[in-house]
Amino acid sequence: MIILIDTQDKEGLIHKVSSVLLDMNCNIQKNDEFVDKESNHFFMRTEITNVYQISKDKIYKSLKQILPNESNIKIYENNKKSIVILCSKEAHCLGDILIKYDTKEIDVEIKGIISNHRNLEYLAEKFNIPYFYIPHTEQNWAEKTLQKCKLLNPSFIILAKYMQILPPKFVKEFDNQIINIHHSFLPAFIGANPYKQAYDRGVKIIGATAHFINDELDCGPIICQDIMQVNHTYTWKDMQKAGKNIERIVLVKAIELAIENKIFIHRNKTIIF
């Protein structure tokens, strides 16, 4: 099992948690902790084994008794997580996820792919993944997409270059479960071709950001980022090609962190172990 605890920081928390787990004969296989000094908030991620005869409920109740009243405790069994992928026309992020899924580099179940275009249906067919076409020109497309996601009931929804803005109702239904990828030029280069704008401005780095979706466009908690150096020899198409490679890497990394329960969200920031 994996235990995630965040709470107001107090002396002796690590000792108290460890003692409770050891009293139940749980073996602490790995432990990480961090204190945010500005907010005086404590974060702890603990992997335990030897839990075959112990229920999650028992562990939760035992920890609740020794932690401050407002503590958040989440306990996850070592079960495979599931995702639903939303995409539009660009294939690079979706294709990379599907290849890593097929080769078991990402240990996840893909319950379906939802798209507002048919362009990438052939990829779903190659990997035998259900594909649902819900065009954004259709009335109530957002509600229909939401209902399909609720029916599939994934652990996380991955926006693999899905070029539609999800309404607040959708975001609220899957709070802190929707992961998006975008180029790191935002908000300086907004529009259909940010790489051309960046090229025209002579930028020296390009990159990508994976983040959780919230109601403020492209301002949700950041999970991971990466960049690379570019120079005057790059055309905007060279930048675009290089940027797509970074987007692939960053999005897959974010998925891995999420399905391995390594992310805490505190205010509008993430703490990642």
Protein backbone atom coordinates (compact mmCIF):
# COMPACT_ATOMS: atom_id res chain seq x y z
CA MET A 1 0.00 0.00 0.00
CA ILE A 2 0.95 3.65 -0.42
CA ILE A 3 0.00 6.16 2.27
CA LEU A 4 -0.17 9.90 1.56
CA ILE A 5 -0.44 12.25 4.53
CA ASP A 6 -0.54 16.03 4.56
CA THR A 7 -1.23 18.03 7.66
CA GLN A 8 -0.13 20.96 9.82
CA ASP A 9 3.46 20.36 10.81
CA LYS A 10 4.16 19.34 14.40
CA GLU A 11 7.09 17.74 16.15
CA GLY A 12 7.24 13.96 16.15
CA LEU A 13 4.90 13.24 13.22
CA ILE A 14 7.27 10.85 11.47
CA HIS A 15 7.87 8.95 14.69
CA LYS A 16 4.14 8.72 15.45
CA VAL A 17 3.22 7.45 11.97
CA SER A 18 6.11 4.97 11.90
CA SER A 19 5.23 3.64 15.35
CA VAL A 20 1.59 3.02 14.40
CA LEU A 21 2.58 1.16 11.25
CA LEU A 22 5.20 -0.93 13.02
CA ASP A 23 2.70 -1.81 15.77
CA MET A 24 0.53 -3.32 13.02
CA ASN A 25 3.56 -5.26 11.72
CA CYS A 26 3.67 -3.21 8.52
CA ASN A 27 7.07 -3.01 6.90
CA ILE A 28 8.02 0.52 5.80
CA GLN A 29 9.69 -0.07 2.47
CA LYS A 30 10.19 3.57 1.48
CA ASN A 31 9.43 6.90 3.06
CA ASP A 32 9.64 10.51 1.86
CA GLU A 33 8.68 13.65 3.72
CA PHE A 34 8.77 17.42 3.24
CA VAL A 35 7.76 20.49 5.24
CA ASP A 36 6.61 23.66 3.49
CA LYS A 37 8.08 26.27 5.84
CA GLU A 38 5.93 29.12 4.52
CA SER A 39 2.64 27.38 5.29
CA ASN A 40 4.00 25.11 8.07
CA HIS A 41 2.54 22.13 6.24
CA PHE A 42 3.86 18.57 6.40
CA PHE A 43 3.79 16.03 3.55
CA MET A 44 4.65 12.35 3.82
CA ARG A 45 4.52 9.48 1.32
CA THR A 46 5.05 5.98 2.72
CA GLU A 47 5.19 2.64 0.95
CA ILE A 48 4.36 -0.32 3.19
CA THR A 49 4.37 -4.09 2.76
CA ASN A 50 3.23 -7.05 4.89
CA VAL A 51 -0.35 -5.73 4.83
CA TYR A 52 -2.20 -8.85 3.68
CA GLN A 53 -4.27 -9.18 6.86
CA ILE A 54 -4.75 -5.45 7.46
CA SER A 55 -7.53 -3.38 5.91
CA LYS A 56 -7.14 0.15 4.58
CA ASP A 57 -9.86 1.20 6.99
CA LYS A 58 -7.93 -0.06 10.00
CA ILE A 59 -4.76 1.74 8.94
CA TYR A 60 -6.74 4.93 8.28
CA LYS A 61 -8.46 4.89 11.69
CA SER A 62 -5.19 4.18 13.50
CA LEU A 63 -3.43 7.08 11.77
CA LYS A 64 -6.38 9.42 12.29
CA GLN A 65 -6.10 8.92 16.04
CA ILE A 66 -2.53 10.19 16.24
CA LEU A 67 -2.56 12.95 13.62
CA PRO A 68 -3.95 16.52 13.90
CA ASN A 69 -7.70 16.81 13.31
CA GLU A 70 -7.50 18.44 9.87
CA SER A 71 -5.06 15.88 8.45
CA ASN A 72 -5.60 14.47 4.98
CA ILE A 73 -4.90 10.74 4.75
CA LYS A 74 -5.11 8.77 1.52
CA ILE A 75 -4.31 5.08 1.27
CA TYR A 76 -3.87 3.34 -2.07
CA GLU A 77 -3.56 -0.34 -2.72
CA ASN A 78 -1.08 -1.42 -5.38
CA ASN A 79 -3.71 -1.68 -8.10
CA LYS A 80 -3.30 -0.70 -11.73
CA LYS A 81 -4.62 2.80 -12.48
CA SER A 82 -6.78 3.59 -15.51
CA ILE A 83 -6.84 6.53 -17.91
CA VAL A 84 -9.04 8.00 -20.62
CA ILE A 85 -7.24 10.00 -23.31
CA LEU A 86 -8.76 13.06 -24.99
CA CYS A 87 -7.16 14.15 -28.27
CA SER A 88 -7.83 16.18 -31.42
CA LYS A 89 -5.66 15.96 -34.56
CA GLU A 90 -2.04 15.89 -33.35
CA ALA A 91 -0.71 12.35 -33.05
CA HIS A 92 2.64 12.70 -31.28
CA CYS A 93 1.50 12.59 -27.63
CA LEU A 94 -1.22 9.99 -28.18
CA GLY A 95 1.09 7.79 -30.24
CA ASP A 96 3.83 7.88 -27.63
CA ILE A 97 1.42 6.96 -24.83
CA LEU A 98 0.02 4.05 -26.86
CA ILE A 99 3.47 2.68 -27.70
CA LYS A 100 4.60 2.85 -24.07
CA TYR A 101 1.29 1.26 -23.02
CA ASP A 102 1.74 -1.54 -25.56
CA THR A 103 5.34 -2.23 -24.45
CA LYS A 104 4.27 -2.01 -20.77
CA GLU A 105 6.56 0.95 -20.09
CA ILE A 106 3.48 2.62 -18.60
CA ASP A 107 1.65 0.26 -16.26
CA VAL A 108 -1.84 1.56 -16.87
CA GLU A 109 -5.19 0.51 -18.32
CA ILE A 110 -6.47 2.69 -21.17
CA LYS A 111 -10.25 2.59 -21.02
CA GLY A 112 -10.82 4.63 -24.14
CA ILE A 113 -9.84 7.49 -26.41
CA ILE A 114 -12.27 10.38 -26.94
CA SER A 115 -11.73 12.83 -29.78
CA ASN A 116 -13.49 15.71 -31.46
CA HIS A 117 -12.03 14.53 -34.80
CA ARG A 118 -11.68 11.18 -36.57
CA ASN A 119 -8.07 11.80 -37.64
CA LEU A 120 -6.49 9.56 -35.00
CA GLU A 121 -9.01 6.73 -35.02
CA TYR A 122 -6.53 4.57 -36.94
CA LEU A 123 -4.15 4.68 -33.97
CA ALA A 124 -6.84 3.45 -31.61
CA GLU A 125 -7.58 0.58 -34.00
CA LYS A 126 -3.88 -0.40 -34.19
CA PHE A 127 -3.74 -0.77 -30.41
CA ASN A 128 -7.27 -2.14 -30.02
CA ILE A 129 -8.44 0.75 -27.84
CA PRO A 130 -12.11 1.92 -27.93
CA TYR A 131 -12.43 5.23 -29.80
CA PHE A 132 -15.32 7.63 -29.25
CA TYR A 133 -15.92 10.45 -31.72
CA ILE A 134 -17.70 13.45 -30.19
CA PRO A 135 -17.30 16.48 -32.51
CA HIS A 136 -17.09 19.89 -30.87
CA THR A 137 -19.55 21.16 -33.48
CA GLU A 138 -22.20 18.92 -31.98
CA GLN A 139 -24.64 20.45 -29.53
CA ASN A 140 -23.79 19.67 -25.90
CA TRP A 141 -20.43 18.12 -26.91
CA ALA A 142 -18.93 18.93 -23.49
CA GLU A 143 -21.80 17.27 -21.61
CA LYS A 144 -21.62 14.21 -23.87
CA THR A 145 -17.86 13.99 -23.36
CA LEU A 146 -18.31 14.32 -19.61
CA GLN A 147 -20.95 11.58 -19.52
CA LYS A 148 -18.70 9.25 -21.51
CA CYS A 149 -15.82 9.91 -19.12
CA LYS A 150 -18.06 9.27 -16.11
CA LEU A 151 -19.19 6.00 -17.67
CA LEU A 152 -15.58 4.91 -18.27
CA ASN A 153 -14.66 6.09 -14.75
CA PRO A 154 -10.87 6.46 -15.13
CA SER A 155 -8.36 7.28 -12.41
CA PHE A 156 -7.11 10.15 -14.60
CA ILE A 157 -8.08 11.93 -17.82
CA ILE A 158 -5.17 12.80 -20.10
CA LEU A 159 -5.46 15.69 -22.54
CA ALA A 160 -3.05 14.63 -25.29
CA LYS A 161 -3.24 17.88 -27.29
CA TYR A 162 -7.02 18.09 -26.93
CA MET A 163 -7.80 21.46 -28.45
CA GLN A 164 -11.00 22.31 -26.58
CA ILE A 165 -11.52 24.12 -23.29
CA LEU A 166 -13.37 21.98 -20.74
CA PRO A 167 -16.17 23.80 -18.90
CA PRO A 168 -16.14 24.25 -15.08
CA LYS A 169 -18.71 21.47 -14.55
CA PHE A 170 -16.41 18.98 -16.27
CA VAL A 171 -13.36 20.14 -14.31
CA LYS A 172 -15.23 19.96 -11.00
CA GLU A 173 -16.42 16.40 -11.72
CA PHE A 174 -12.82 15.24 -12.17
CA ASP A 175 -11.09 17.59 -9.76
CA ASN A 176 -7.29 17.10 -9.78
CA GLN A 177 -7.68 14.17 -12.16
CA ILE A 178 -7.26 15.93 -15.53
CA ILE A 179 -3.70 16.29 -16.83
CA ASN A 180 -2.89 18.61 -19.72
CA ILE A 181 0.21 19.19 -21.83
CA HIS A 182 1.12 22.45 -23.56
CA HIS A 183 4.11 24.35 -24.89
CA SER A 184 5.70 26.56 -22.26
CA PHE A 185 5.32 29.75 -24.31
CA LEU A 186 1.96 30.51 -22.77
CA PRO A 187 0.81 33.13 -22.07
CA ALA A 188 3.38 35.05 -24.19
CA PHE A 189 2.60 33.16 -27.40
CA ILE A 190 -1.10 32.44 -27.57
CA GLY A 191 -2.77 31.20 -30.72
CA ALA A 192 -2.73 28.55 -33.40
CA ASN A 193 1.00 28.59 -34.12
CA PRO A 194 3.05 29.46 -31.02
CA TYR A 195 6.25 28.08 -32.55
CA LYS A 196 6.04 30.52 -35.46
CA GLN A 197 5.50 33.37 -32.99
CA ALA A 198 8.43 32.18 -30.91
CA TYR A 199 10.61 31.94 -34.00
CA ASP A 200 9.68 35.47 -35.00
CA ARG A 201 10.70 36.69 -31.54
CA GLY A 202 14.03 34.82 -31.63
CA VAL A 203 13.52 32.74 -28.50
CA LYS A 204 16.50 30.81 -27.12
CA ILE A 205 14.68 28.04 -25.26
CA ILE A 206 11.58 25.98 -25.95
CA GLY A 207 9.80 23.62 -23.63
CA ALA A 208 6.64 21.96 -22.39
CA THR A 209 4.58 21.89 -19.20
CA ALA A 210 2.29 19.19 -17.83
CA HIS A 211 -0.24 20.40 -15.29
CA PHE A 212 -3.56 19.63 -13.67
CA ILE A 213 -6.54 21.43 -15.15
CA ASN A 214 -8.46 23.99 -13.14
CA ASP A 215 -10.97 26.70 -14.07
CA GLU A 216 -8.25 29.21 -14.95
CA LEU A 217 -6.89 28.50 -18.42
CA ASP A 218 -3.42 26.88 -18.34
CA CYS A 219 -2.88 27.95 -14.72
CA GLY A 220 -3.43 24.69 -12.83
CA PRO A 221 -0.83 23.08 -10.55
CA ILE A 222 2.33 22.21 -12.51
CA ILE A 223 3.42 18.56 -12.42
CA CYS A 224 6.59 18.66 -14.52
CA GLN A 225 8.39 20.71 -17.14
CA ASP A 226 11.35 20.45 -19.47
CA ILE A 227 13.21 22.73 -21.87
CA MET A 228 15.93 22.67 -24.52
CA GLN A 229 18.20 25.29 -26.02
CA VAL A 230 17.58 26.56 -29.55
CA ASN A 231 19.37 29.16 -31.67
CA HIS A 232 19.11 31.21 -34.83
CA THR A 233 19.69 28.16 -37.07
CA TYR A 234 16.30 26.68 -36.08
CA THR A 235 13.35 27.34 -38.35
CA TRP A 236 9.95 27.50 -36.71
CA LYS A 237 9.29 24.00 -38.04
CA ASP A 238 12.53 22.79 -36.40
CA MET A 239 11.31 24.33 -33.15
CA GLN A 240 7.94 22.67 -33.54
CA LYS A 241 9.52 19.27 -34.12
CA ALA A 242 11.81 19.65 -31.12
CA GLY A 243 8.92 20.94 -29.01
CA LYS A 244 6.79 17.93 -29.83
CA ASN A 245 9.55 15.63 -28.58
CA ILE A 246 9.62 17.51 -25.27
CA GLU A 247 5.83 17.37 -25.01
CA ARG A 248 5.92 13.58 -25.39
CA ILE A 249 8.50 13.17 -22.64
CA VAL A 250 6.87 15.59 -20.19
CA LEU A 251 3.36 14.19 -20.60
CA VAL A 252 4.46 10.58 -20.08
CA LYS A 253 6.46 11.62 -17.01
CA ALA A 254 3.39 13.34 -15.57
CA ILE A 255 1.28 10.23 -16.16
CA GLU A 256 3.87 8.06 -14.42
CA LEU A 257 3.97 10.35 -11.38
CA ALA A 258 0.18 10.40 -11.16
CA ILE A 259 -0.39 6.66 -11.45
CA GLU A 260 2.36 5.98 -8.91
CA ASN A 261 0.68 8.28 -6.35
CA LYS A 262 3.69 10.56 -6.07
CA ILE A 263 1.90 13.92 -6.30
CA PHE A 264 0.53 16.14 -3.54
CA ILE A 265 -1.46 19.24 -4.47
CA HIS A 266 -1.18 22.11 -1.99
CA ARG A 267 -2.89 25.37 -2.90
CA ASN A 268 -1.89 25.80 -6.56
CA LYS A 269 1.43 23.97 -6.29
CA THR A 270 2.54 20.36 -6.34
CA ILE A 271 4.88 18.48 -4.04
CA ILE A 272 6.31 15.47 -5.87
CA PHE A 273 8.23 12.57 -4.38
